């Protein structure tokens, strides 16, 4: 497939010397079917051949595998930048740190999940102090360190103190990621933060990004979406990393990168878009390198179908009618899969979703149809189609037969690119009024957006049959649609008919008419 994969995460073993309470993999011992040394080295060669730039070695605890140095050294020799994700339990030893650096690791990711009491509770007694020693040793060797913190209710209120601690230890990069109920953490799911608390984390990252010139705070993919505060964080990070400014819209969420820019390798050679999906691994495993070459798995059109073939119309809840749905596609799939059960579920951990649900709760308490309808119309005219949809939906629960509200509701769905819903509402209108111009028009335009060209054009033709000189918009819509499908002669005929019918339309359509007739 036509994607440039730049990063892979490779869990080289299940061996682990901790057994953390929030571990997503529940690894403890080596898996029975882990790749042999020969298979692992062959995979290193394949990764290099496909042009991969960076790789993160993980586990378990990767350096517990007996041949980890051979793997890291091969990757380095092949030109890859090698990072190590570690619990740092054994990195309080100078010889061990030098051994890891000497093997070829240039970047370290160390997990720190709170202040000492919290961190040791989640991981292992004594591990906090070992990390502090490891940070000293890595700083002395001028090595790049990213601290990774899994956010839970246990450490949410410790973030400010952690920032001070990291500054004192000259940590310049800090990644915040969401703790999700998988692996060991399923038994402590009461510690998973609530959706509304996502904003606290984003606001914290935003403030630190602005206040601390020498610290970059990365927000994991679960934290979003379409929040100005989140966009600011990414923009500031980019400026700190590359000394360049870009507009916020360059940092809008464009969909999950799993399988597109990144992929994961499990200890047995299974290939996945993201290691998080191991909980549902049969559904998300794309192949195994023992059975097929890595290149074949990654380039197979059937690989990563769960993300490459998903459409907004497949989503559920607010995600199915969200104005950002076509690009966002529900945000990071992890909360949806692990909390709601499937990749199509509504993402209740999206901050935009949280905001809209809060607004919906307030609107739900209003029972005055006229108030709801008028506010919906005002917001529609201002371009706030998302909240207009919520207002009109509630209004129509009070009076399902109000034609003005139904027409506006259909138009609102169209503006939100909810074309199937726009058609559904317009068909309800036609059941009550078979000659409703707007309903024919909305169905026609929506069908064309859904690539049902012929049927869509027929509905648009019906709308101009029904219209009169007081409302000529259907003529313009039909002409533009015909142009879009390269039916220029038909478009000119529609314009001529409309121009003969209305002097006002003749003025309004002059520019398009001149373009078409030359």
Protein backbone atom coordinates (compact mmCIF):
# COMPACT_ATOMS: atom_id res chain seq x y z
CA UNK A 1 0.00 0.00 0.00
CA UNK A 2 1.16 3.54 -0.69
CA UNK A 3 2.26 4.55 2.82
CA UNK A 4 5.66 5.58 4.13
CA UNK A 5 6.33 3.69 7.36
CA UNK A 6 8.88 5.58 9.40
CA UNK A 7 8.61 3.94 12.82
CA UNK A 8 8.13 0.45 14.18
CA UNK A 9 7.76 -0.78 17.75
CA UNK A 10 9.22 -4.25 18.19
CA UNK A 11 8.50 -6.24 21.33
CA UNK A 12 11.43 -8.64 21.17
CA UNK A 13 10.50 -10.67 24.26
CA UNK A 14 7.89 -11.26 26.91
CA UNK A 15 10.50 -11.55 29.68
CA UNK A 16 9.96 -8.85 32.29
CA UNK A 17 11.46 -8.19 35.71
CA UNK A 18 8.48 -6.22 37.01
CA UNK A 19 4.85 -7.08 36.33
CA UNK A 20 3.37 -3.58 36.58
CA UNK A 21 -0.21 -3.14 37.70
CA UNK A 22 -1.10 -1.20 34.54
CA UNK A 23 0.89 -3.28 32.05
CA UNK A 24 -1.06 -3.73 28.85
CA UNK A 25 0.67 -6.92 27.78
CA UNK A 26 0.71 -8.88 31.08
CA UNK A 27 4.10 -10.27 30.01
CA UNK A 28 6.26 -12.00 32.63
CA UNK A 29 8.13 -14.83 30.96
CA UNK A 30 9.47 -15.47 27.47
CA UNK A 31 6.74 -16.57 25.08
CA UNK A 32 7.06 -20.15 23.86
CA UNK A 33 7.11 -19.08 20.21
CA UNK A 34 9.41 -16.03 20.31
CA UNK A 35 11.56 -15.43 17.26
CA UNK A 36 14.90 -17.21 17.29
CA UNK A 37 18.12 -15.22 16.98
CA UNK A 38 18.38 -16.16 13.32
CA UNK A 39 14.79 -15.10 12.64
CA UNK A 40 15.23 -11.83 14.55
CA UNK A 41 18.39 -10.90 12.63
CA UNK A 42 16.71 -11.71 9.32
CA UNK A 43 13.87 -9.40 10.35
CA UNK A 44 16.41 -6.64 11.09
CA UNK A 45 17.61 -6.93 7.49
CA UNK A 46 14.04 -6.78 6.18
CA UNK A 47 13.31 -3.66 8.22
CA UNK A 48 16.36 -1.91 6.81
CA UNK A 49 15.60 -2.97 3.26
CA UNK A 50 12.12 -1.45 3.39
CA UNK A 51 13.61 1.95 4.30
CA UNK A 52 12.46 2.15 7.92
CA UNK A 53 14.09 5.11 9.67
CA UNK A 54 13.46 4.49 13.37
CA UNK A 55 12.66 1.56 15.59
CA UNK A 56 11.81 1.26 19.26
CA UNK A 57 12.83 -1.98 20.97
CA UNK A 58 10.51 -3.01 23.77
CA UNK A 59 9.23 -6.01 25.67
CA UNK A 60 8.60 -7.15 28.36
CA UNK A 61 11.95 -5.72 29.25
CA UNK A 62 13.90 -5.96 26.01
CA UNK A 63 17.37 -6.17 27.57
CA UNK A 64 16.32 -9.32 29.45
CA UNK A 65 16.47 -11.24 26.17
CA UNK A 66 19.84 -12.95 25.96
CA UNK A 67 20.62 -11.88 22.36
CA UNK A 68 19.28 -8.32 22.57
CA UNK A 69 22.73 -6.86 21.79
CA UNK A 70 22.94 -8.80 18.54
CA UNK A 71 19.54 -7.44 17.48
CA UNK A 72 20.30 -3.83 18.41
CA UNK A 73 23.75 -4.00 16.82
CA UNK A 74 22.34 -5.37 13.56
CA UNK A 75 19.71 -2.65 13.40
CA UNK A 76 22.30 0.04 14.06
CA UNK A 77 24.69 -1.40 11.44
CA UNK A 78 21.84 -1.32 8.92
CA UNK A 79 21.38 2.41 9.49
CA UNK A 80 18.32 2.51 11.75
CA UNK A 81 18.01 4.83 14.74
CA UNK A 82 17.37 2.52 17.68
CA UNK A 83 15.39 3.54 20.75
CA UNK A 84 14.91 1.44 23.87
CA UNK A 85 11.71 1.52 25.91
CA UNK A 86 12.70 0.39 29.39
CA UNK A 87 11.60 0.29 33.02
CA UNK A 88 15.23 1.21 33.89
CA UNK A 89 15.42 -1.37 36.70
CA UNK A 90 18.93 -2.36 35.63
CA UNK A 91 20.03 1.06 34.36
CA UNK A 92 21.34 2.20 37.74
CA UNK A 93 24.57 0.43 36.86
CA UNK A 94 27.26 2.29 34.89
CA UNK A 95 28.53 -0.82 33.13
CA UNK A 96 25.00 -1.78 32.07
CA UNK A 97 24.28 1.70 30.71
CA UNK A 98 27.56 1.73 28.77
CA UNK A 99 26.82 -1.75 27.43
CA UNK A 100 23.43 -0.61 26.08
CA UNK A 101 24.87 2.54 24.50
CA UNK A 102 27.76 0.56 23.05
CA UNK A 103 25.37 -1.89 21.43
CA UNK A 104 23.74 0.93 19.46
CA UNK A 105 20.86 2.42 21.46
CA UNK A 106 20.83 6.19 20.92
CA UNK A 107 17.53 7.14 22.53
CA UNK A 108 15.94 5.96 25.77
CA UNK A 109 12.27 5.90 26.73
CA UNK A 110 11.86 5.43 30.47
CA UNK A 111 8.54 4.82 32.17
CA UNK A 112 7.85 7.02 35.19
CA UNK A 113 4.30 6.86 36.49
CA UNK A 114 4.18 9.27 39.40
CA UNK A 115 6.08 10.42 42.43
CA UNK A 116 7.96 7.77 44.39
CA UNK A 117 5.07 6.23 46.33
CA UNK A 118 2.73 6.15 43.32
CA UNK A 119 5.36 4.95 40.87
CA UNK A 120 6.54 2.13 43.15
CA UNK A 121 2.92 1.12 43.83
CA UNK A 122 2.22 0.81 40.11
CA UNK A 123 5.51 -0.86 39.23
CA UNK A 124 7.92 -2.23 41.85
CA UNK A 125 9.30 -1.06 45.19
CA UNK A 126 12.60 0.67 44.67
CA UNK A 127 12.11 1.31 40.97
CA UNK A 128 11.66 5.07 41.36
CA UNK A 129 15.13 5.52 42.86
CA UNK A 130 16.66 3.33 40.17
CA UNK A 131 15.17 5.64 37.54
CA UNK A 132 16.62 8.69 39.29
CA UNK A 133 20.05 7.04 39.17
CA UNK A 134 19.57 6.04 35.53
CA UNK A 135 18.72 9.64 34.62
CA UNK A 136 21.97 10.78 36.24
CA UNK A 137 24.01 8.25 34.27
CA UNK A 138 22.32 9.02 30.95
CA UNK A 139 22.66 12.75 31.48
CA UNK A 140 26.38 12.32 32.15
CA UNK A 141 26.62 10.52 28.80
CA UNK A 142 24.56 13.15 27.01
CA UNK A 143 21.95 10.63 25.88
CA UNK A 144 18.45 11.54 24.74
CA UNK A 145 15.76 10.53 27.23
CA UNK A 146 11.98 10.64 26.90
CA UNK A 147 10.02 10.05 30.08
CA UNK A 148 6.75 8.20 29.38
CA UNK A 149 3.96 8.61 31.93
CA UNK A 150 0.80 6.53 31.82
CA UNK A 151 -1.96 8.79 33.14
CA UNK A 152 -4.25 7.29 35.77
CA UNK A 153 -6.38 8.63 38.60
CA UNK A 154 -3.46 7.68 40.84
CA UNK A 155 -1.06 10.21 39.31
CA UNK A 156 -3.31 12.82 37.70
CA UNK A 157 -2.87 15.20 40.63
CA UNK A 158 0.89 14.65 40.72
CA UNK A 159 1.69 16.01 37.28
CA UNK A 160 2.79 19.44 38.50
CA UNK A 161 5.18 17.94 41.06
CA UNK A 162 6.45 15.51 38.42
CA UNK A 163 7.22 18.43 36.13
CA UNK A 164 9.36 20.01 38.84
CA UNK A 165 11.13 16.68 39.40
CA UNK A 166 11.83 16.21 35.69
CA UNK A 167 13.17 19.74 35.37
CA UNK A 168 15.54 19.10 38.27
CA UNK A 169 16.79 16.04 36.39
CA UNK A 170 17.19 17.98 33.14
CA UNK A 171 14.59 15.88 31.30
CA UNK A 172 13.67 17.69 28.11
CA UNK A 173 11.01 15.38 26.65
CA UNK A 174 7.95 14.00 28.43
CA UNK A 175 5.20 11.91 26.89
CA UNK A 176 1.78 11.61 28.51
CA UNK A 177 -0.29 8.61 27.50
CA UNK A 178 -3.68 7.33 28.60
CA UNK A 179 -3.88 4.28 30.85
CA UNK A 180 -6.45 1.92 29.33
CA UNK A 181 -8.14 -1.20 30.77
CA UNK A 182 -6.07 -3.91 29.13
CA UNK A 183 -3.71 -6.58 30.41
CA UNK A 184 -3.03 -6.24 34.14
CA UNK A 185 -4.85 -2.90 34.28
CA UNK A 186 -8.21 -4.54 33.64
CA UNK A 187 -8.28 -5.54 37.30
CA UNK A 188 -7.71 -1.89 38.31
CA UNK A 189 -9.98 -0.22 35.76
CA UNK A 190 -11.35 2.07 38.48
CA UNK A 191 -8.06 3.97 38.06
CA UNK A 192 -8.75 4.77 34.40
CA UNK A 193 -9.45 8.51 34.23
CA UNK A 194 -12.90 9.74 33.23
CA UNK A 195 -13.47 11.26 29.77
CA UNK A 196 -13.93 14.75 31.26
CA UNK A 197 -10.49 14.50 32.88
CA UNK A 198 -8.81 14.31 29.47
CA UNK A 199 -9.13 18.10 29.27
CA UNK A 200 -7.18 18.47 32.52
CA UNK A 201 -4.24 16.63 30.97
CA UNK A 202 -4.39 18.65 27.75
CA UNK A 203 -4.64 21.93 29.66
CA UNK A 204 -1.67 20.90 31.81
CA UNK A 205 0.42 20.04 28.72
CA UNK A 206 -0.60 23.32 27.11
CA UNK A 207 0.48 25.36 30.11
CA UNK A 208 3.80 23.55 30.55
CA UNK A 209 4.58 23.85 26.84
CA UNK A 210 4.20 27.62 27.11
CA UNK A 211 5.98 28.04 30.43
CA UNK A 212 8.94 25.72 29.94
CA UNK A 213 11.17 26.63 27.00
CA UNK A 214 13.42 23.62 27.59
CA UNK A 215 10.73 20.96 27.93
CA UNK A 216 8.60 19.32 25.25
CA UNK A 217 5.41 17.63 26.45
CA UNK A 218 4.03 15.15 23.96
CA UNK A 219 0.39 14.12 24.18
CA UNK A 220 -0.34 10.54 23.16
CA UNK A 221 -2.78 9.89 20.33
CA UNK A 222 -5.60 9.18 22.77
CA UNK A 223 -5.60 12.83 23.86
CA UNK A 224 -7.71 14.88 21.44
CA UNK A 225 -9.32 15.97 19.25
CA UNK A 226 -10.06 19.30 17.56
CA UNK A 227 -9.24 21.19 20.72
CA UNK A 228 -7.41 24.50 20.33
CA UNK A 229 -5.39 23.70 23.46
CA UNK A 230 -4.21 20.41 21.93
CA UNK A 231 -3.36 22.10 18.63
CA UNK A 232 -1.30 24.69 20.49
CA UNK A 233 0.70 21.96 22.23
CA UNK A 234 1.60 20.32 18.92
CA UNK A 235 2.42 23.66 17.31
CA UNK A 236 4.71 24.69 20.18
CA UNK A 237 6.42 21.29 20.13
CA UNK A 238 7.08 21.62 16.42
CA UNK A 239 8.63 25.05 16.93
CA UNK A 240 10.87 23.73 19.71
CA UNK A 241 11.99 20.74 17.64
CA UNK A 242 12.49 22.38 14.24
CA UNK A 243 12.58 26.12 14.97
CA UNK A 244 9.78 26.64 12.45
CA UNK A 245 6.25 27.98 12.73
CA UNK A 246 3.26 26.26 11.17
CA UNK A 247 -0.42 27.16 11.37
CA UNK A 248 -2.59 25.16 13.78
CA UNK A 249 -4.51 23.45 10.99
CA UNK A 250 -1.32 21.58 10.07
CA UNK A 251 -1.64 19.73 13.37
CA UNK A 252 -5.28 18.68 13.09
CA UNK A 253 -5.84 14.98 13.71
CA UNK A 254 -5.94 13.24 10.32
CA UNK A 255 -6.70 9.73 11.48
CA UNK A 256 -4.83 6.92 13.17
CA UNK A 257 -1.25 6.34 11.92
CA UNK A 258 -1.28 2.64 12.82
CA UNK A 259 -0.39 0.59 9.77
CA UNK A 260 0.13 3.75 7.74
CA UNK A 261 3.16 5.46 9.28
CA UNK A 262 3.85 3.03 12.10
CA UNK A 263 3.42 -0.64 12.83
CA UNK A 264 4.17 -3.12 15.60
CA UNK A 265 5.95 -6.46 15.80
CA UNK A 266 5.09 -8.92 18.58
CA UNK A 267 7.68 -11.33 20.07
CA UNK A 268 6.50 -14.19 17.85
CA UNK A 269 6.72 -12.17 14.62
CA UNK A 270 3.05 -11.20 14.37
CA UNK A 271 2.54 -7.86 12.61
CA UNK A 272 -0.04 -5.40 13.90
CA UNK A 273 -0.83 -1.74 13.40
CA UNK A 274 -0.41 -1.02 17.12
CA UNK A 275 0.70 -3.16 20.07
CA UNK A 276 -2.30 -2.01 22.07
CA UNK A 277 -4.54 -4.25 20.00
CA UNK A 278 -3.03 -7.43 21.38
CA UNK A 279 -6.15 -7.73 23.55
CA UNK A 280 -8.11 -8.43 20.37
CA UNK A 281 -5.07 -9.73 18.52
CA UNK A 282 -6.67 -12.27 16.19
CA UNK A 283 -8.81 -9.56 14.68
CA UNK A 284 -5.90 -7.14 14.22
CA UNK A 285 -2.99 -9.42 13.27
CA UNK A 286 -2.09 -8.77 9.64
CA UNK A 287 0.30 -11.68 9.24
CA UNK A 288 3.41 -13.34 10.63
CA UNK A 289 6.93 -12.94 9.28
CA UNK A 290 7.51 -16.69 9.58
CA UNK A 291 4.86 -17.24 6.95
CA UNK A 292 5.25 -14.18 4.72
CA UNK A 293 7.96 -11.58 4.12
CA UNK A 294 7.38 -8.36 6.06
CA UNK A 295 7.19 -6.32 2.84
CA UNK A 296 4.39 -8.52 1.51
CA UNK A 297 2.38 -8.13 4.73
CA UNK A 298 2.74 -4.36 4.80
CA UNK A 299 1.96 -3.88 1.10
CA UNK A 300 -1.00 -6.28 0.97
CA UNK A 301 -4.16 -4.26 0.14
CA UNK A 302 -6.04 -6.40 2.65
CA UNK A 303 -3.70 -5.48 5.50
CA UNK A 304 -4.91 -2.90 8.03
CA UNK A 305 -8.40 -2.93 6.50
CA UNK A 306 -9.84 -2.04 9.89
CA UNK A 307 -8.33 1.45 9.52
CA UNK A 308 -7.84 1.87 5.76
CA UNK A 309 -11.41 0.94 4.82
CA UNK A 310 -13.30 2.64 7.64
CA UNK A 311 -15.65 5.50 6.76
CA UNK A 312 -17.51 8.04 8.85
CA UNK A 313 -20.80 6.31 8.05
CA UNK A 314 -19.47 3.15 9.74
CA UNK A 315 -19.00 4.95 13.07
CA UNK A 316 -21.49 5.12 15.93
CA UNK A 317 -22.90 7.81 18.21
CA UNK A 318 -21.66 11.38 17.87
CA UNK A 319 -18.70 10.22 15.74
CA UNK A 320 -21.17 9.26 12.98
CA UNK A 321 -22.46 12.83 12.70
CA UNK A 322 -19.42 14.84 13.81
CA UNK A 323 -18.29 17.61 11.47
CA UNK A 324 -14.72 16.27 11.71
CA UNK A 325 -15.70 12.62 11.23
CA UNK A 326 -14.46 12.17 7.66
CA UNK A 327 -10.87 12.97 8.63
CA UNK A 328 -10.82 12.02 12.30
CA UNK A 329 -12.59 8.67 11.82
CA UNK A 330 -13.24 8.44 15.54
CA UNK A 331 -9.76 9.34 16.77
CA UNK A 332 -7.40 6.79 18.31
CA UNK A 333 -9.07 3.37 18.10
CA UNK A 334 -7.65 2.19 21.44
CA UNK A 335 -10.31 3.65 23.80
CA UNK A 336 -13.04 2.53 21.42
CA UNK A 337 -11.78 -1.04 21.12
CA UNK A 338 -10.76 -1.50 24.76
CA UNK A 339 -13.63 0.32 26.47
CA UNK A 340 -16.54 0.23 24.04
CA UNK A 341 -15.74 -3.09 22.35
CA UNK A 342 -15.08 -2.33 18.69
CA UNK A 343 -13.28 0.04 16.37
CA UNK A 344 -16.53 1.63 15.15
CA UNK A 345 -17.76 2.73 18.58
CA UNK A 346 -18.22 6.33 19.63
CA UNK A 347 -15.04 7.74 21.15
CA UNK A 348 -16.22 9.01 24.51
CA UNK A 349 -12.65 9.99 25.40
CA UNK A 350 -12.55 12.63 22.67
CA UNK A 351 -12.64 16.10 24.25
CA UNK A 352 -14.82 17.41 21.40
CA UNK A 353 -17.25 14.60 22.24
CA UNK A 354 -17.11 15.58 25.93
CA UNK A 355 -17.90 19.22 25.06
CA UNK A 356 -20.80 18.27 22.80
CA UNK A 357 -22.23 15.86 25.39
CA UNK A 358 -22.13 18.63 27.97
CA UNK A 359 -24.01 20.94 25.60
CA UNK A 360 -26.46 18.16 24.77
CA UNK A 361 -27.17 17.66 28.47
CA UNK A 362 -28.09 21.32 28.84
CA UNK A 363 -30.25 21.32 25.70
CA UNK A 364 -32.04 18.19 26.86
CA UNK A 365 -33.50 20.16 29.76
CA UNK A 366 -35.22 22.63 27.38
CA UNK A 367 -38.76 21.73 26.29
CA UNK A 368 -39.77 24.86 24.37
CA UNK A 369 -39.96 23.95 20.67
CA UNK A 370 -39.85 27.52 19.41
CA UNK A 371 -36.83 28.36 21.55
CA UNK A 372 -34.96 25.26 20.37
CA UNK A 373 -35.85 25.81 16.71
CA UNK A 374 -34.93 29.50 16.65
CA UNK A 375 -31.60 28.90 18.38
CA UNK A 376 -30.92 26.07 15.94
CA UNK A 377 -31.62 28.37 12.99
CA UNK A 378 -29.41 31.13 14.40
CA UNK A 379 -26.50 28.73 14.92
CA UNK A 380 -27.03 27.22 11.46
CA UNK A 381 -26.76 30.67 9.93
CA UNK A 382 -23.60 31.31 11.94
CA UNK A 383 -22.06 28.06 10.70
CA UNK A 384 -22.19 26.20 14.02
CA UNK A 385 -23.84 23.17 12.49
CA UNK A 386 -22.84 20.72 15.24
CA UNK A 387 -24.76 22.44 18.02
CA UNK A 388 -27.55 23.37 15.57
CA UNK A 389 -28.02 19.64 14.94
CA UNK A 390 -28.38 18.95 18.68
CA UNK A 391 -30.92 21.77 19.09
CA UNK A 392 -32.97 20.71 16.08
CA UNK A 393 -32.90 17.03 17.07
CA UNK A 394 -34.41 17.96 20.44
CA UNK A 395 -36.96 20.29 18.80
CA UNK A 396 -38.09 17.48 16.51
CA UNK A 397 -38.52 15.13 19.45
CA UNK A 398 -41.13 17.64 20.64
CA UNK A 399 -42.79 18.23 17.24
CA UNK A 400 -41.81 15.58 14.70
CA UNK A 401 -44.10 17.03 12.02
CA UNK A 402 -42.80 20.59 11.84
CA UNK A 403 -41.76 20.99 8.20
CA UNK A 404 -39.53 24.02 8.69
CA UNK A 405 -37.57 22.22 11.39
CA UNK A 406 -37.33 19.05 9.29
CA UNK A 407 -36.04 21.00 6.27
CA UNK A 408 -33.46 22.81 8.38
CA UNK A 409 -32.47 19.54 10.08
CA UNK A 410 -31.82 17.92 6.70
CA UNK A 411 -29.74 20.91 5.56
CA UNK A 412 -27.79 20.79 8.83
CA UNK A 413 -26.88 17.15 8.28
CA UNK A 414 -25.78 17.98 4.75
CA UNK A 415 -23.49 20.73 6.02
CA UNK A 416 -22.03 18.27 8.53
CA UNK A 417 -21.41 15.88 5.60
CA UNK A 418 -23.88 13.46 7.14
CA UNK A 419 -25.31 12.67 3.73
CA UNK A 420 -27.12 9.45 4.63
CA UNK A 421 -28.86 11.21 7.54
CA UNK A 422 -29.78 14.15 5.27
CA UNK A 423 -31.41 11.71 2.84
CA UNK A 424 -33.24 9.93 5.65
CA UNK A 425 -34.73 13.19 7.00
CA UNK A 426 -35.64 14.42 3.51
CA UNK A 427 -37.48 11.19 2.76
CA UNK A 428 -39.55 11.75 5.91
CA UNK A 429 -40.42 15.18 4.52
CA UNK A 430 -41.48 13.68 1.18
CA UNK A 431 -43.80 11.28 2.98
CA UNK A 432 -45.64 14.33 4.28
CA UNK A 433 -45.17 16.58 1.22
CA UNK A 434 -44.29 14.79 -2.02
CA UNK A 435 -43.59 18.09 -3.80
CA UNK A 436 -41.23 19.58 -1.25
CA UNK A 437 -38.52 21.32 -3.28
CA UNK A 438 -35.90 21.38 -0.52
CA UNK A 439 -36.28 17.67 0.21
CA UNK A 440 -35.72 16.73 -3.46
CA UNK A 441 -32.77 19.10 -3.59
CA UNK A 442 -31.16 17.76 -0.40
CA UNK A 443 -31.60 14.14 -1.50
CA UNK A 444 -30.15 14.93 -4.92
CA UNK A 445 -27.09 16.72 -3.56
CA UNK A 446 -26.53 14.08 -0.88
CA UNK A 447 -26.78 11.18 -3.34
CA UNK A 448 -24.20 12.86 -5.56
CA UNK A 449 -21.86 13.25 -2.57
CA UNK A 450 -22.32 9.52 -1.94
CA UNK A 451 -21.27 8.86 -5.58
CA UNK A 452 -24.79 7.91 -6.65
CA UNK A 453 -24.65 10.32 -9.57
CA UNK A 454 -27.55 9.24 -11.77
CA UNK A 455 -30.18 9.01 -9.04
CA UNK A 456 -28.91 12.23 -7.46
CA UNK A 457 -29.25 14.19 -10.71
CA UNK A 458 -32.81 12.90 -11.15
CA UNK A 459 -33.78 14.28 -7.75
CA UNK A 460 -32.16 17.62 -8.62
CA UNK A 461 -34.10 17.71 -11.91
CA UNK A 462 -37.28 17.08 -9.97
CA UNK A 463 -36.43 20.02 -7.67
CA UNK A 464 -36.20 22.44 -10.63
CA UNK A 465 -39.49 21.14 -12.02
CA UNK A 466 -41.13 22.10 -8.73
CA UNK A 467 -39.46 25.47 -8.21
CA UNK A 468 -40.56 28.93 -9.32
CA UNK A 469 -38.89 32.29 -9.83
CA UNK A 470 -38.95 33.04 -6.11
CA UNK A 471 -36.46 30.22 -5.42
CA UNK A 472 -33.91 29.44 -8.14
CA UNK A 473 -31.21 27.74 -6.04
CA UNK A 474 -32.03 24.26 -7.47
CA UNK A 475 -31.06 25.48 -10.96
CA UNK A 476 -27.66 26.57 -9.73
CA UNK A 477 -27.15 23.32 -7.80
CA UNK A 478 -28.07 21.14 -10.78
CA UNK A 479 -25.86 23.12 -13.17
CA UNK A 480 -22.84 22.93 -10.84
CA UNK A 481 -23.42 19.20 -10.25
CA UNK A 482 -23.55 18.53 -13.99
CA UNK A 483 -20.30 20.46 -14.43
CA UNK A 484 -18.72 18.37 -11.68
CA UNK A 485 -19.56 15.25 -13.69
CA UNK A 486 -18.31 16.87 -16.91
CA UNK A 487 -21.80 17.12 -18.42
CA UNK A 488 -21.16 20.62 -19.74
CA UNK A 489 -23.80 20.73 -22.46
CA UNK A 490 -26.54 19.66 -20.03
CA UNK A 491 -25.30 22.23 -17.50
CA UNK A 492 -25.55 25.01 -20.11
CA UNK A 493 -29.10 23.93 -20.98
CA UNK A 494 -30.09 24.09 -17.29
CA UNK A 495 -28.60 27.58 -16.96
CA UNK A 496 -30.35 28.79 -20.11
CA UNK A 497 -33.69 27.49 -18.82
CA UNK A 498 -33.17 29.22 -15.49
CA UNK A 499 -31.95 32.46 -17.06
CA UNK A 500 -35.04 32.58 -19.29
CA UNK A 501 -37.16 32.07 -16.24
CA UNK A 502 -35.64 34.70 -13.91
CA UNK A 503 -33.79 37.97 -14.51
CA UNK A 504 -32.33 37.75 -11.00
CA UNK A 505 -30.98 34.26 -11.71
CA UNK A 506 -29.56 35.54 -14.98
CA UNK A 507 -27.41 38.01 -13.05
CA UNK A 508 -26.43 35.49 -10.39
CA UNK A 509 -25.43 32.81 -12.92
CA UNK A 510 -23.61 35.08 -15.36
CA UNK A 511 -20.10 34.16 -14.25
CA UNK A 512 -20.72 30.41 -14.43
CA UNK A 513 -22.54 30.77 -17.73
CA UNK A 514 -19.65 32.69 -19.31
CA UNK A 515 -17.15 30.10 -18.07
CA UNK A 516 -19.13 27.29 -19.71
CA UNK A 517 -19.94 28.91 -23.05
CA UNK A 518 -16.45 30.36 -23.41
